[in-house]
C-alpha atoms as a PDB file:
ATOM      1  CA  MET A   1     -24.849  25.561   0.584  1.00  0.00           C
ATOM      2  CA  ASN A   2     -22.547  28.341   1.755  1.00  0.00           C
ATOM      3  CA  ALA A   3     -18.875  28.838   0.656  1.00  0.00           C
ATOM      4  CA  GLN A   4     -17.503  27.189   3.772  1.00  0.00           C
ATOM      5  CA  SER A   5     -19.426  23.931   3.341  1.00  0.00           C
ATOM      6  CA  LYS A   6     -18.509  23.795  -0.369  1.00  0.00           C
ATOM      7  CA  LEU A   7     -14.820  24.091   0.537  1.00  0.00           C
ATOM      8  CA  SER A   8     -15.223  21.536   3.217  1.00  0.00           C
ATOM      9  CA  GLU A   9     -16.874  19.174   0.797  1.00  0.00           C
ATOM     10  CA  LYS A  10     -14.056  19.668  -1.719  1.00  0.00           C
ATOM     11  CA  VAL A  11     -11.375  19.021   0.966  1.00  0.00           C
ATOM     12  CA  ARG A  12     -13.133  15.818   1.984  1.00  0.00           C
ATOM     13  CA  SER A  13     -13.389  14.672  -1.719  1.00  0.00           C
ATOM     14  CA  ALA A  14      -9.774  15.412  -2.271  1.00  0.00           C
ATOM     15  CA  PHE A  15      -8.700  13.547   0.874  1.00  0.00           C
ATOM     16  CA  GLY A  16     -10.866  10.520  -0.199  1.00  0.00           C
ATOM     17  CA  LEU A  17      -9.301  10.543  -3.655  1.00  0.00           C
ATOM     18  CA  LEU A  18      -5.870  10.494  -2.126  1.00  0.00           C
ATOM     19  CA  LEU A  19      -6.694   7.623   0.189  1.00  0.00           C
ATOM     20  CA  VAL A  20      -7.983   5.625  -2.848  1.00  0.00           C
ATOM     21  CA  LEU A  21      -5.087   6.374  -4.999  1.00  0.00           C
ATOM     22  CA  ALA A  22      -2.235   5.987  -2.437  1.00  0.00           C
ATOM     23  CA  PRO A  23      -2.194   2.174  -2.564  1.00  0.00           C
ATOM     24  CA  PHE A  24      -2.068   2.282  -6.397  1.00  0.00           C
ATOM     25  CA  ALA A  25       0.813   4.590  -6.239  1.00  0.00           C
ATOM     26  CA  VAL A  26       2.690   2.412  -3.695  1.00  0.00           C
ATOM     27  CA  GLY A  27       1.978  -0.756  -5.767  1.00  0.00           C
ATOM     28  CA  LEU A  28       2.975   0.753  -9.127  1.00  0.00           C
ATOM     29  CA  GLY A  29       6.039   2.368  -7.611  1.00  0.00           C
ATOM     30  CA  SER A  30       7.231  -0.849  -6.057  1.00  0.00           C
ATOM     31  CA  LEU A  31       6.612  -2.798  -9.235  1.00  0.00           C
ATOM     32  CA  GLY A  32       8.359  -0.140 -11.285  1.00  0.00           C
ATOM     33  CA  ARG A  33      11.326  -0.219  -8.955  1.00  0.00           C
ATOM     34  CA  GLN A  34      11.489  -4.008  -9.200  1.00  0.00           C
ATOM     35  CA  ILE A  35      11.303  -3.899 -12.985  1.00  0.00           C
ATOM     36  CA  PHE A  36      14.016  -1.176 -13.159  1.00  0.00           C
ATOM     37  CA  LEU A  37      16.312  -3.273 -10.974  1.00  0.00           C
ATOM     38  CA  TRP A  38      15.745  -6.339 -13.016  1.00  0.00           C
ATOM     39  CA  LEU A  39      16.512  -4.585 -16.250  1.00  0.00           C
ATOM     40  CA  ARG A  40      19.688  -3.045 -14.696  1.00  0.00           C
ATOM     41  CA  ASP A  41      20.945  -6.117 -12.810  1.00  0.00           C
ATOM     42  CA  GLY A  42      19.243  -9.000 -14.444  1.00  0.00           C
ATOM     43  CA  ARG A  43      17.918 -10.475 -11.245  1.00  0.00           C
ATOM     44  CA  TRP A  44      14.502 -10.011  -9.561  1.00  0.00           C
ATOM     45  CA  THR A  45      14.422  -8.191  -6.221  1.00  0.00           C
ATOM     46  CA  SER A  46      11.425  -9.191  -4.235  1.00  0.00           C
ATOM     47  CA  VAL A  47       9.795  -6.645  -2.047  1.00  0.00           C
ATOM     48  CA  SER A  48       7.368  -7.948   0.607  1.00  0.00           C
ATOM     49  CA  VAL A  49       4.892  -6.189   2.903  1.00  0.00           C
ATOM     50  CA  LEU A  50       7.407  -6.826   5.656  1.00  0.00           C
ATOM     51  CA  ASP A  51       9.990  -4.852   3.780  1.00  0.00           C
ATOM     52  CA  LEU A  52       7.702  -1.904   3.713  1.00  0.00           C
ATOM     53  CA  LEU A  53       6.903  -2.168   7.433  1.00  0.00           C
ATOM     54  CA  SER A  54      10.632  -2.399   8.187  1.00  0.00           C
ATOM     55  CA  TRP A  55      11.523   0.491   5.960  1.00  0.00           C
ATOM     56  CA  SER A  56       8.785   2.764   7.332  1.00  0.00           C
ATOM     57  CA  GLY A  57       9.314   1.936  10.971  1.00  0.00           C
ATOM     58  CA  VAL A  58       5.746   0.843  11.459  1.00  0.00           C
ATOM     59  CA  GLY A  59       5.198  -1.944  13.892  1.00  0.00           C
ATOM     60  CA  SER A  60       7.597  -3.773  16.185  1.00  0.00           C
ATOM     61  CA  GLN A  61      11.083  -3.813  14.512  1.00  0.00           C
ATOM     62  CA  ASP A  62      12.127  -6.700  16.740  1.00  0.00           C
ATOM     63  CA  TRP A  63       9.090  -8.724  15.554  1.00  0.00           C
ATOM     64  CA  ILE A  64       9.807  -7.946  11.918  1.00  0.00           C
ATOM     65  CA  ALA A  65      13.417  -9.025  12.240  1.00  0.00           C
ATOM     66  CA  ARG A  66      12.942 -11.973  14.639  1.00  0.00           C
ATOM     67  CA  PRO A  67       9.352 -13.068  15.283  1.00  0.00           C
ATOM     68  CA  ASN A  68       8.757 -15.273  18.281  1.00  0.00           C
ATOM     69  CA  GLU A  69       4.969 -15.218  18.017  1.00  0.00           C
ATOM     70  CA  TRP A  70       2.373 -14.970  15.284  1.00  0.00           C
ATOM     71  CA  ILE A  71       4.788 -16.832  13.086  1.00  0.00           C
ATOM     72  CA  GLY A  72       2.078 -17.477  10.444  1.00  0.00           C
ATOM     73  CA  VAL A  73       1.239 -13.779  10.041  1.00  0.00           C
ATOM     74  CA  TRP A  74       4.984 -13.092   9.720  1.00  0.00           C
ATOM     75  CA  LYS A  75       5.385 -15.789   6.975  1.00  0.00           C
ATOM     76  CA  LEU A  76       2.341 -14.446   5.081  1.00  0.00           C
ATOM     77  CA  LEU A  77       3.544 -10.813   5.222  1.00  0.00           C
ATOM     78  CA  ASN A  78       7.026 -11.949   4.237  1.00  0.00           C
ATOM     79  CA  TRP A  79       5.716 -13.968   1.243  1.00  0.00           C
ATOM     80  CA  LEU A  80       3.084 -11.363   0.093  1.00  0.00           C
ATOM     81  CA  PRO A  81       4.534  -9.082  -2.628  1.00  0.00           C
ATOM     82  CA  LEU A  82       4.095  -5.396  -1.797  1.00  0.00           C
ATOM     83  CA  SER A  83       3.032  -4.530  -5.365  1.00  0.00           C
ATOM     84  CA  ALA A  84       0.309  -7.105  -5.402  1.00  0.00           C
ATOM     85  CA  ALA A  85      -1.014  -6.344  -1.911  1.00  0.00           C
ATOM     86  CA  SER A  86      -1.110  -2.616  -2.615  1.00  0.00           C
ATOM     87  CA  LEU A  87      -2.928  -2.958  -5.961  1.00  0.00           C
ATOM     88  CA  VAL A  88      -5.505  -5.357  -4.370  1.00  0.00           C
ATOM     89  CA  VAL A  89      -6.107  -2.806  -1.514  1.00  0.00           C
ATOM     90  CA  GLY A  90      -6.468  -0.045  -4.073  1.00  0.00           C
ATOM     91  CA  ILE A  91      -9.022  -2.020  -6.124  1.00  0.00           C
ATOM     92  CA  VAL A  92     -11.068  -2.818  -3.019  1.00  0.00           C
ATOM     93  CA  LEU A  93     -10.990   0.894  -2.014  1.00  0.00           C
ATOM     94  CA  VAL A  94     -12.154   1.933  -5.527  1.00  0.00           C
ATOM     95  CA  LEU A  95     -14.998  -0.584  -5.477  1.00  0.00           C
ATOM     96  CA  ALA A  96     -16.090   0.526  -2.029  1.00  0.00           C
ATOM     97  CA  ALA A  97     -16.007   4.168  -3.112  1.00  0.00           C
ATOM     98  CA  LEU A  98     -18.056   3.343  -6.200  1.00  0.00           C
ATOM     99  CA  SER A  99     -20.661   1.367  -4.254  1.00  0.00           C
ATOM    100  CA  ASP A 100     -20.952   4.234  -1.629  1.00  0.00           C
ATOM    101  CA  SER A 101     -21.479   6.803  -4.397  1.00  0.00           C
ATOM    102  CA  GLN A 102     -24.512   4.957  -5.823  1.00  0.00           C
END
């Protein structure tokens, strides 16, 4: 293996690790923010997957604010806590990475 292919393999490994850890970081960051706000204000602030989509500008902002189709999907994304969804995605990615490495 030459130096270029070793570097390429390291870059791919680092990128893969980043993809696996990113959902954990989002989930833990969201949960940490919610706990901080609860400790400060004494009331729980829910953060759904729709809140992330709205904040990040991903998807149709009109649909996020006022859905007129796919209402069931909107209700699910509005109900689903961002922290839980991110942690589940992270766990699935870790399990997939571990099964690929064997």
